[in-house]
């Protein structure tokens, strides 16, 4: 019998995943990751996961990864914001924590694989390569899994791949799981109330000071509250009236400036991505270029048709992406994920939009 260590957050998805695995004949143990020390250990997440484990008659553990989480997720998140980028910490958490440290722990403890409540599909092709696919539901989470490696995918199970969210709740309810109607979390787990500015102030102690709003020619338009309050493409909440709609075009940390542009400037014809990880193949070497595919630039964005090709080392490396149709709010720090139909080709971090 295959032994699986399931990451249990105390929510309905991971709880239902335990039930699906158990019914499929796996020997399941649950683990809740303690990512914020004592705060996690006293949280509802641990208590709810433990109650579900007791209901299903499976072992439950708590694994303290506070130090690793701070090093690989929280500190880079804060550094990115201070550098004028808008990061996606879930990508880093999946690569380094859930399918990094947790997987290493599982293998060392004699488990064959790890599982989570993510909505995505992993399959091994005829050549032995592991491929990642979108789940065919509105809850698809393949976007935040693009950075997983072949070694990681070889030991990963996503039991909910074929389920819609209402089916998952129904499954949990029918089994009498105590979290069947628990609301989904909509926030980054370590940012209370989704208040990024308050989190950054607490974490780094002092935020960048107010500075200038300028137009793309450098002309002064007004004063901003500090770079941490803004992101590329933002229109609402700028704190100033300009007589017409204005959008954040880019953030300039070196000069502490927020560059604004008028209608139309929130769109970009393409982008440059770095820190690229390919899943479907090892690299673009030997492939027909430019690569025709689709790309998602935000978690809830629709994949947009594009062409992608590698940049030479003298230009900093990475990938240049040209969209068939200009895309709104191409935001440095966010992930861009490439698809061929439902198959995830790979992805990277947006370094800059193309003008």
Protein backbone atom coordinates (compact mmCIF):
# COMPACT_ATOMS: atom_id res chain seq x y z
CA UNK A 1 0.00 0.00 0.00
CA UNK A 2 1.39 3.39 -1.03
CA UNK A 3 2.06 5.74 1.89
CA UNK A 4 1.07 9.37 1.34
CA UNK A 5 1.67 12.42 3.52
CA UNK A 6 -1.14 14.90 2.95
CA UNK A 7 -0.73 18.59 3.68
CA UNK A 8 -3.79 19.56 5.76
CA UNK A 9 -4.60 23.25 6.17
CA UNK A 10 -7.80 22.65 8.10
CA UNK A 11 -9.87 23.67 5.07
CA UNK A 12 -12.40 21.69 3.09
CA UNK A 13 -10.14 20.98 0.09
CA UNK A 14 -7.33 19.21 1.92
CA UNK A 15 -9.86 17.47 4.19
CA UNK A 16 -11.76 16.10 1.19
CA UNK A 17 -8.44 15.10 -0.38
CA UNK A 18 -7.78 12.91 2.67
CA UNK A 19 -11.12 11.20 2.14
CA UNK A 20 -10.49 10.64 -1.59
CA UNK A 21 -7.04 9.18 -0.94
CA UNK A 22 -8.32 6.94 1.83
CA UNK A 23 -11.11 5.59 -0.36
CA UNK A 24 -8.59 4.97 -3.17
CA UNK A 25 -6.64 2.65 -0.90
CA UNK A 26 -3.72 4.82 0.14
CA UNK A 27 -2.23 4.77 3.63
CA UNK A 28 -2.73 8.43 4.52
CA UNK A 29 -1.22 10.57 7.25
CA UNK A 30 -1.97 14.28 7.58
CA UNK A 31 0.47 17.06 8.36
CA UNK A 32 -0.26 20.70 9.11
CA UNK A 33 2.61 23.04 8.41
CA UNK A 34 3.46 25.45 11.20
CA UNK A 35 4.63 28.47 9.22
CA UNK A 36 4.29 31.16 11.87
CA UNK A 37 5.49 29.41 15.00
CA UNK A 38 3.26 29.49 18.05
CA UNK A 39 0.64 31.52 16.17
CA UNK A 40 0.04 28.58 13.83
CA UNK A 41 0.07 25.99 16.60
CA UNK A 42 -2.74 27.86 18.39
CA UNK A 43 -4.74 28.47 15.22
CA UNK A 44 -8.00 26.99 13.99
CA UNK A 45 -6.06 25.40 11.11
CA UNK A 46 -4.30 22.91 13.37
CA UNK A 47 -7.40 22.18 15.44
CA UNK A 48 -9.65 21.71 12.40
CA UNK A 49 -7.12 19.46 10.65
CA UNK A 50 -6.79 17.37 13.80
CA UNK A 51 -10.57 17.00 14.07
CA UNK A 52 -10.80 15.83 10.45
CA UNK A 53 -7.95 13.36 10.97
CA UNK A 54 -9.70 11.95 14.03
CA UNK A 55 -12.95 11.61 12.08
CA UNK A 56 -11.16 9.68 9.32
CA UNK A 57 -9.00 7.66 11.71
CA UNK A 58 -5.70 8.84 10.26
CA UNK A 59 -2.53 10.08 11.93
CA UNK A 60 -2.04 13.84 12.19
CA UNK A 61 1.27 15.64 12.62
CA UNK A 62 2.45 19.25 12.89
CA UNK A 63 5.67 20.15 11.06
CA UNK A 64 7.42 23.38 12.06
CA UNK A 65 8.78 25.12 8.94
CA UNK A 66 8.71 28.65 10.34
CA UNK A 67 12.37 29.37 9.59
CA UNK A 68 12.20 27.99 6.04
CA UNK A 69 8.96 29.87 5.35
CA UNK A 70 10.45 33.16 6.46
CA UNK A 71 13.63 32.62 4.43
CA UNK A 72 12.04 31.44 1.18
CA UNK A 73 8.65 33.19 1.20
CA UNK A 74 8.17 36.07 3.63
CA UNK A 75 11.56 37.80 3.34
CA UNK A 76 11.59 37.70 -0.50
CA UNK A 77 7.97 38.93 -0.51
CA UNK A 78 8.92 41.98 1.56
CA UNK A 79 12.08 42.62 -0.47
CA UNK A 80 10.12 42.49 -3.74
CA UNK A 81 7.55 45.00 -2.52
CA UNK A 82 10.26 47.39 -1.36
CA UNK A 83 11.89 47.05 -4.80
CA UNK A 84 8.70 48.09 -6.57
CA UNK A 85 7.54 44.61 -7.58
CA UNK A 86 4.28 42.81 -6.78
CA UNK A 87 5.21 39.24 -5.85
CA UNK A 88 3.13 36.06 -5.76
CA UNK A 89 4.22 34.29 -2.55
CA UNK A 90 2.11 31.18 -3.28
CA UNK A 91 4.51 30.22 -6.09
CA UNK A 92 7.51 30.37 -3.75
CA UNK A 93 5.62 28.54 -1.01
CA UNK A 94 4.71 25.69 -3.34
CA UNK A 95 8.22 25.25 -4.67
CA UNK A 96 10.20 25.67 -1.44
CA UNK A 97 7.77 24.70 1.32
CA UNK A 98 4.89 22.41 0.35
CA UNK A 99 6.74 20.53 -2.38
CA UNK A 100 10.22 21.33 -1.08
CA UNK A 101 10.69 21.03 2.68
CA UNK A 102 7.49 19.04 3.22
CA UNK A 103 8.39 16.58 0.45
CA UNK A 104 11.91 16.10 1.80
CA UNK A 105 10.44 15.43 5.25
CA UNK A 106 7.94 12.94 3.81
CA UNK A 107 10.56 10.95 1.91
CA UNK A 108 12.84 10.89 4.95
CA UNK A 109 9.93 9.55 7.02
CA UNK A 110 9.29 6.69 4.60
CA UNK A 111 6.35 8.10 2.66
CA UNK A 112 6.13 7.47 -1.08
CA UNK A 113 4.51 10.77 -2.02
CA UNK A 114 2.96 13.99 -0.77
CA UNK A 115 -0.52 15.21 -1.62
CA UNK A 116 -2.38 18.50 -1.29
CA UNK A 117 -5.83 19.85 -2.03
CA UNK A 118 -4.66 21.76 -5.11
CA UNK A 119 -6.79 21.57 -8.25
CA UNK A 120 -4.39 20.40 -10.97
CA UNK A 121 -3.42 17.22 -12.83
CA UNK A 122 -0.05 15.42 -12.96
CA UNK A 123 0.53 12.64 -15.48
CA UNK A 124 3.61 10.77 -16.65
CA UNK A 125 3.96 10.65 -20.44
CA UNK A 126 5.25 7.78 -22.58
CA UNK A 127 8.80 9.12 -22.38
CA UNK A 128 8.68 9.07 -18.58
CA UNK A 129 8.41 12.84 -18.19
CA UNK A 130 5.93 14.26 -15.71
CA UNK A 131 3.47 16.72 -17.21
CA UNK A 132 1.29 19.23 -15.38
CA UNK A 133 -2.19 20.05 -16.68
CA UNK A 134 -4.93 22.47 -15.77
CA UNK A 135 -7.81 21.06 -13.76
CA UNK A 136 -10.98 21.26 -15.82
CA UNK A 137 -12.80 23.31 -13.20
CA UNK A 138 -13.04 26.99 -12.32
CA UNK A 139 -10.77 26.29 -9.33
CA UNK A 140 -7.75 25.34 -11.47
CA UNK A 141 -4.53 26.18 -9.58
CA UNK A 142 -1.90 25.15 -12.11
CA UNK A 143 -0.80 28.81 -12.35
CA UNK A 144 0.85 28.66 -8.91
CA UNK A 145 2.46 25.26 -9.56
CA UNK A 146 4.54 26.11 -12.64
CA UNK A 147 7.83 26.17 -10.70
CA UNK A 148 7.71 22.50 -9.66
CA UNK A 149 10.55 20.33 -10.90
CA UNK A 150 10.50 16.83 -12.37
CA UNK A 151 11.82 15.42 -9.08
CA UNK A 152 9.00 17.10 -7.19
CA UNK A 153 6.26 16.12 -9.65
CA UNK A 154 7.38 12.49 -9.45
CA UNK A 155 6.22 12.42 -5.80
CA UNK A 156 3.07 14.57 -5.95
CA UNK A 157 -0.61 13.62 -5.90
CA UNK A 158 -3.54 15.99 -6.48
CA UNK A 159 -6.60 13.91 -5.47
CA UNK A 160 -9.13 16.66 -6.26
CA UNK A 161 -8.13 17.10 -9.91
CA UNK A 162 -11.43 15.75 -11.25
CA UNK A 163 -13.72 17.49 -8.75
CA UNK A 164 -15.59 20.79 -8.88
CA UNK A 165 -15.73 22.83 -5.68
CA UNK A 166 -19.40 22.10 -5.00
CA UNK A 167 -18.67 18.39 -5.42
CA UNK A 168 -15.85 18.66 -2.88
CA UNK A 169 -18.15 20.31 -0.32
CA UNK A 170 -20.82 17.70 -0.98
CA UNK A 171 -18.27 14.91 -0.53
CA UNK A 172 -17.08 16.38 2.76
CA UNK A 173 -20.64 16.92 3.96
CA UNK A 174 -21.77 13.39 3.15
CA UNK A 175 -18.78 12.03 5.09
CA UNK A 176 -19.62 14.21 8.07
CA UNK A 177 -16.33 16.11 7.99
CA UNK A 178 -16.52 19.02 10.45
CA UNK A 179 -15.12 21.57 7.95
CA UNK A 180 -17.54 20.84 5.08
CA UNK A 181 -18.98 24.38 5.13
CA UNK A 182 -15.84 26.23 6.23
CA UNK A 183 -15.31 29.31 3.98
CA UNK A 184 -12.35 29.38 1.63
CA UNK A 185 -9.45 31.64 2.55
CA UNK A 186 -9.11 34.58 0.15
CA UNK A 187 -5.98 36.11 1.64
CA UNK A 188 -2.25 35.53 1.71
CA UNK A 189 -1.86 33.47 4.87
CA UNK A 190 0.74 35.69 6.57
CA UNK A 191 -0.84 39.07 5.65
CA UNK A 192 -3.69 39.70 8.08
CA UNK A 193 -6.71 41.39 6.57
CA UNK A 194 -4.91 41.57 3.22
CA UNK A 195 -3.25 44.77 4.52
CA UNK A 196 0.11 44.65 2.75
CA UNK A 197 1.22 48.04 4.00
CA UNK A 198 0.62 47.14 7.67
CA UNK A 199 2.43 43.84 7.19
CA UNK A 200 5.44 45.48 5.54
CA UNK A 201 5.64 48.15 8.23
CA UNK A 202 5.64 45.50 10.94
CA UNK A 203 8.12 43.24 9.11
CA UNK A 204 10.72 45.78 7.93
CA UNK A 205 10.12 48.49 10.52
CA UNK A 206 10.10 51.47 8.16
CA UNK A 207 8.52 51.89 4.75
CA UNK A 208 9.80 54.00 1.86
CA UNK A 209 8.68 57.62 2.35
CA UNK A 210 6.20 59.58 0.24
CA UNK A 211 7.46 60.73 -3.15
CA UNK A 212 6.41 62.13 -6.50
CA UNK A 213 3.80 61.12 -9.02
CA UNK A 214 5.25 61.94 -12.45
CA UNK A 215 4.10 61.44 -16.02
CA UNK A 216 6.13 59.47 -18.55
CA UNK A 217 8.03 62.61 -19.53
CA UNK A 218 9.03 63.19 -15.91
CA UNK A 219 6.69 66.12 -15.22
CA UNK A 220 5.47 66.38 -11.63
CA UNK A 221 1.81 65.43 -11.16
CA UNK A 222 1.52 65.27 -7.38
CA UNK A 223 2.69 63.39 -4.30
CA UNK A 224 2.24 59.71 -3.50
CA UNK A 225 1.99 57.99 -0.09
CA UNK A 226 4.92 55.59 -0.60
CA UNK A 227 5.71 52.91 -3.18
CA UNK A 228 4.25 50.08 -1.09
CA UNK A 229 0.75 51.49 -1.67
CA UNK A 230 0.82 50.99 -5.45
CA UNK A 231 1.03 48.35 -8.15
CA UNK A 232 1.27 48.46 -11.95
CA UNK A 233 -2.10 49.02 -13.63
CA UNK A 234 -3.70 50.55 -10.53
CA UNK A 235 -6.21 53.37 -11.11
CA UNK A 236 -8.30 53.53 -7.94
CA UNK A 237 -6.90 54.67 -4.62
CA UNK A 238 -4.08 56.79 -6.02
CA UNK A 239 -4.91 59.51 -3.51
CA UNK A 240 -4.89 62.36 -6.04
CA UNK A 241 -7.31 63.74 -8.62
CA UNK A 242 -5.85 64.27 -12.08
CA UNK A 243 -8.93 65.36 -14.04
CA UNK A 244 -8.89 62.16 -16.10
CA UNK A 245 -8.28 58.45 -15.47
CA UNK A 246 -4.60 57.79 -14.73
CA UNK A 247 -2.90 54.43 -14.29
CA UNK A 248 0.33 53.30 -12.65
CA UNK A 249 2.71 52.54 -15.52
CA UNK A 250 5.72 51.64 -13.41
CA UNK A 251 7.34 52.13 -10.01
CA UNK A 252 10.84 53.63 -9.79
CA UNK A 253 12.38 52.75 -6.39
CA UNK A 254 15.69 54.48 -7.14
CA UNK A 255 13.97 57.84 -7.47
CA UNK A 256 11.01 56.94 -5.23
CA UNK A 257 8.67 57.87 -8.08
CA UNK A 258 5.38 56.47 -9.32
CA UNK A 259 5.03 56.95 -13.08
CA UNK A 260 1.46 57.49 -14.31
CA UNK A 261 -0.06 57.34 -17.78
CA UNK A 262 -3.46 57.96 -19.31
CA UNK A 263 -6.02 55.63 -20.85
CA UNK A 264 -4.35 52.92 -22.93
CA UNK A 265 -1.07 53.00 -21.03
CA UNK A 266 -2.28 50.21 -18.74
CA UNK A 267 -1.76 47.82 -21.67
CA UNK A 268 1.53 46.28 -22.82
CA UNK A 269 2.33 44.37 -26.03
CA UNK A 270 4.59 41.91 -24.25
CA UNK A 271 6.98 41.26 -21.39
CA UNK A 272 10.35 39.93 -20.33
CA UNK A 273 10.34 37.00 -17.89
CA UNK A 274 13.24 35.60 -15.87
CA UNK A 275 13.78 32.70 -13.44
CA UNK A 276 12.03 30.49 -15.98
CA UNK A 277 11.20 26.86 -15.16
CA UNK A 278 10.10 24.49 -17.92
CA UNK A 279 7.96 21.46 -17.05
CA UNK A 280 6.95 20.08 -20.45
CA UNK A 281 10.56 19.97 -21.70
CA UNK A 282 14.04 20.81 -20.44
CA UNK A 283 14.51 24.06 -22.39
CA UNK A 284 13.65 25.86 -25.62
CA UNK A 285 16.87 24.62 -27.22
CA UNK A 286 16.12 22.71 -30.40
CA UNK A 287 12.45 23.73 -30.47
CA UNK A 288 10.76 25.68 -33.22
CA UNK A 289 10.98 29.36 -32.29
CA UNK A 290 9.27 31.54 -31.48
CA UNK A 291 7.19 29.17 -29.36
CA UNK A 292 3.48 29.57 -30.02
CA UNK A 293 1.48 29.15 -26.82
CA UNK A 294 -0.83 30.98 -24.46
CA UNK A 295 0.23 32.82 -21.31
CA UNK A 296 -1.47 33.78 -18.05
CA UNK A 297 -0.12 36.89 -16.32
CA UNK A 298 -2.43 36.74 -13.28
CA UNK A 299 -4.06 33.94 -11.34
CA UNK A 300 -7.56 34.73 -12.62
CA UNK A 301 -6.59 35.98 -16.08
CA UNK A 302 -7.54 34.10 -19.22
CA UNK A 303 -4.57 32.59 -21.10
CA UNK A 304 -3.64 34.98 -23.93
CA UNK A 305 -2.18 33.80 -27.28
CA UNK A 306 1.48 34.79 -27.60
CA UNK A 307 4.93 34.05 -29.00
CA UNK A 308 7.86 33.32 -26.67
CA UNK A 309 11.56 33.12 -27.39
CA UNK A 310 14.78 33.13 -25.34
CA UNK A 311 16.79 36.30 -24.84
CA UNK A 312 20.58 36.17 -25.25
CA UNK A 313 22.79 36.29 -22.17
CA UNK A 314 24.06 39.77 -23.04
CA UNK A 315 20.46 40.99 -22.69
CA UNK A 316 20.12 39.36 -19.27
CA UNK A 317 18.72 36.05 -20.44
CA UNK A 318 15.19 34.92 -19.77
CA UNK A 319 12.25 34.90 -22.17
CA UNK A 320 10.69 37.61 -24.34
CA UNK A 321 6.94 37.25 -24.79
CA UNK A 322 4.90 39.08 -27.45
CA UNK A 323 1.12 38.91 -27.12
CA UNK A 324 -1.20 38.75 -30.12
CA UNK A 325 -3.28 41.40 -28.33
CA UNK A 326 -1.84 43.85 -25.74
CA UNK A 327 -2.51 42.75 -22.16
CA UNK A 328 -3.68 44.83 -19.21
CA UNK A 329 -1.53 45.37 -16.11
CA UNK A 330 1.59 43.37 -16.93
CA UNK A 331 3.05 43.54 -13.43
CA UNK A 332 6.72 42.96 -12.49
CA UNK A 333 7.01 40.31 -9.78
CA UNK A 334 3.93 38.37 -10.85
CA UNK A 335 4.16 34.98 -12.54
CA UNK A 336 3.68 34.41 -16.26
CA UNK A 337 2.69 30.81 -17.01
CA UNK A 338 2.77 29.26 -20.47
CA UNK A 339 0.20 26.73 -21.71
CA UNK A 340 -0.34 24.50 -24.72
CA UNK A 341 -4.05 23.88 -24.41
CA UNK A 342 -4.46 22.48 -20.91
CA UNK A 343 -0.81 21.45 -20.56
CA UNK A 344 1.49 23.68 -18.50
CA UNK A 345 4.69 24.27 -20.46
CA UNK A 346 6.39 26.24 -17.70
CA UNK A 347 6.60 29.77 -16.41
CA UNK A 348 8.70 32.51 -14.92
CA UNK A 349 8.64 35.83 -13.09
CA UNK A 350 7.71 38.99 -14.99
CA UNK A 351 10.77 41.25 -14.98
CA UNK A 352 9.27 44.09 -17.03
CA UNK A 353 6.52 44.87 -19.52
CA UNK A 354 7.55 45.77 -23.06
CA UNK A 355 6.75 49.29 -24.19
